[in-house]
Amino acid sequence: MARHKPTAKKRRLVKKMKQTRWAPFWTVLKVYGPGRRVHPGRHTRIKRSWRRTRTKA
């Protein structure tokens, strides 16, 4: 990728990075209750890795 990135492209990349973060830990307690242990990554809508899939940003 180029050394200088346009601001619009940076904003699109930041949005894509935010979409792939884990959900907050309290969503697990809210959905399943305190007894069940579930990884917070199951509650994210978009699961993407920089190695597996490319973005069209």
Protein backbone atom coordinates (compact mmCIF):
# COMPACT_ATOMS: atom_id res chain seq x y z
CA MET A 1 0.00 0.00 0.00
CA ALA A 2 1.13 3.53 -0.59
CA ARG A 3 2.98 5.45 2.08
CA HIS A 4 0.57 8.38 1.83
CA LYS A 5 -3.08 7.36 2.22
CA PRO A 6 -5.93 9.72 1.40
CA THR A 7 -8.05 10.78 4.35
CA ALA A 8 -11.22 9.23 2.92
CA LYS A 9 -9.52 5.86 2.56
CA LYS A 10 -8.21 6.08 6.13
CA ARG A 11 -11.74 6.68 7.39
CA ARG A 12 -13.05 3.66 5.50
CA LEU A 13 -10.27 1.48 6.92
CA VAL A 14 -10.98 2.69 10.46
CA LYS A 15 -14.64 1.76 10.04
CA LYS A 16 -13.69 -1.73 8.84
CA MET A 17 -11.37 -2.18 11.84
CA LYS A 18 -14.11 -1.19 14.28
CA GLN A 19 -16.52 -3.73 12.77
CA THR A 20 -14.21 -6.66 13.46
CA ARG A 21 -13.58 -5.95 17.16
CA TRP A 22 -15.04 -8.16 19.87
CA ALA A 23 -18.29 -7.23 21.47
CA PRO A 24 -18.15 -5.86 25.04
CA PHE A 25 -17.90 -8.52 27.74
CA TRP A 26 -21.19 -7.51 29.36
CA THR A 27 -23.16 -8.56 26.27
CA VAL A 28 -22.37 -12.19 27.12
CA LEU A 29 -23.86 -11.76 30.59
CA LYS A 30 -26.87 -9.95 29.18
CA VAL A 31 -27.64 -12.59 26.55
CA TYR A 32 -26.75 -15.85 28.30
CA GLY A 33 -26.71 -15.02 32.01
CA PRO A 34 -23.84 -15.39 34.47
CA GLY A 35 -23.63 -19.20 34.27
CA ARG A 36 -22.66 -19.61 30.62
CA ARG A 37 -19.15 -18.86 29.38
CA VAL A 38 -19.15 -17.67 25.78
CA HIS A 39 -16.46 -15.79 23.90
CA PRO A 40 -17.40 -12.15 23.15
CA GLY A 41 -16.25 -12.59 19.55
CA ARG A 42 -19.42 -14.53 18.83
CA HIS A 43 -21.48 -11.36 19.12
CA THR A 44 -19.70 -9.35 16.43
CA ARG A 45 -21.59 -9.02 13.18
CA ILE A 46 -18.70 -9.02 10.73
CA LYS A 47 -15.82 -11.42 11.25
CA ARG A 48 -12.92 -10.60 8.97
CA SER A 49 -9.18 -11.01 9.18
CA TRP A 50 -6.56 -9.11 7.23
CA ARG A 51 -5.02 -12.42 6.17
CA ARG A 52 -8.19 -14.21 5.04
CA THR A 53 -10.29 -11.63 3.25
CA ARG A 54 -9.60 -8.35 1.56
CA THR A 55 -11.72 -5.21 1.90
CA LYS A 56 -12.77 -3.02 -0.96
CA ALA A 57 -11.74 0.15 0.88
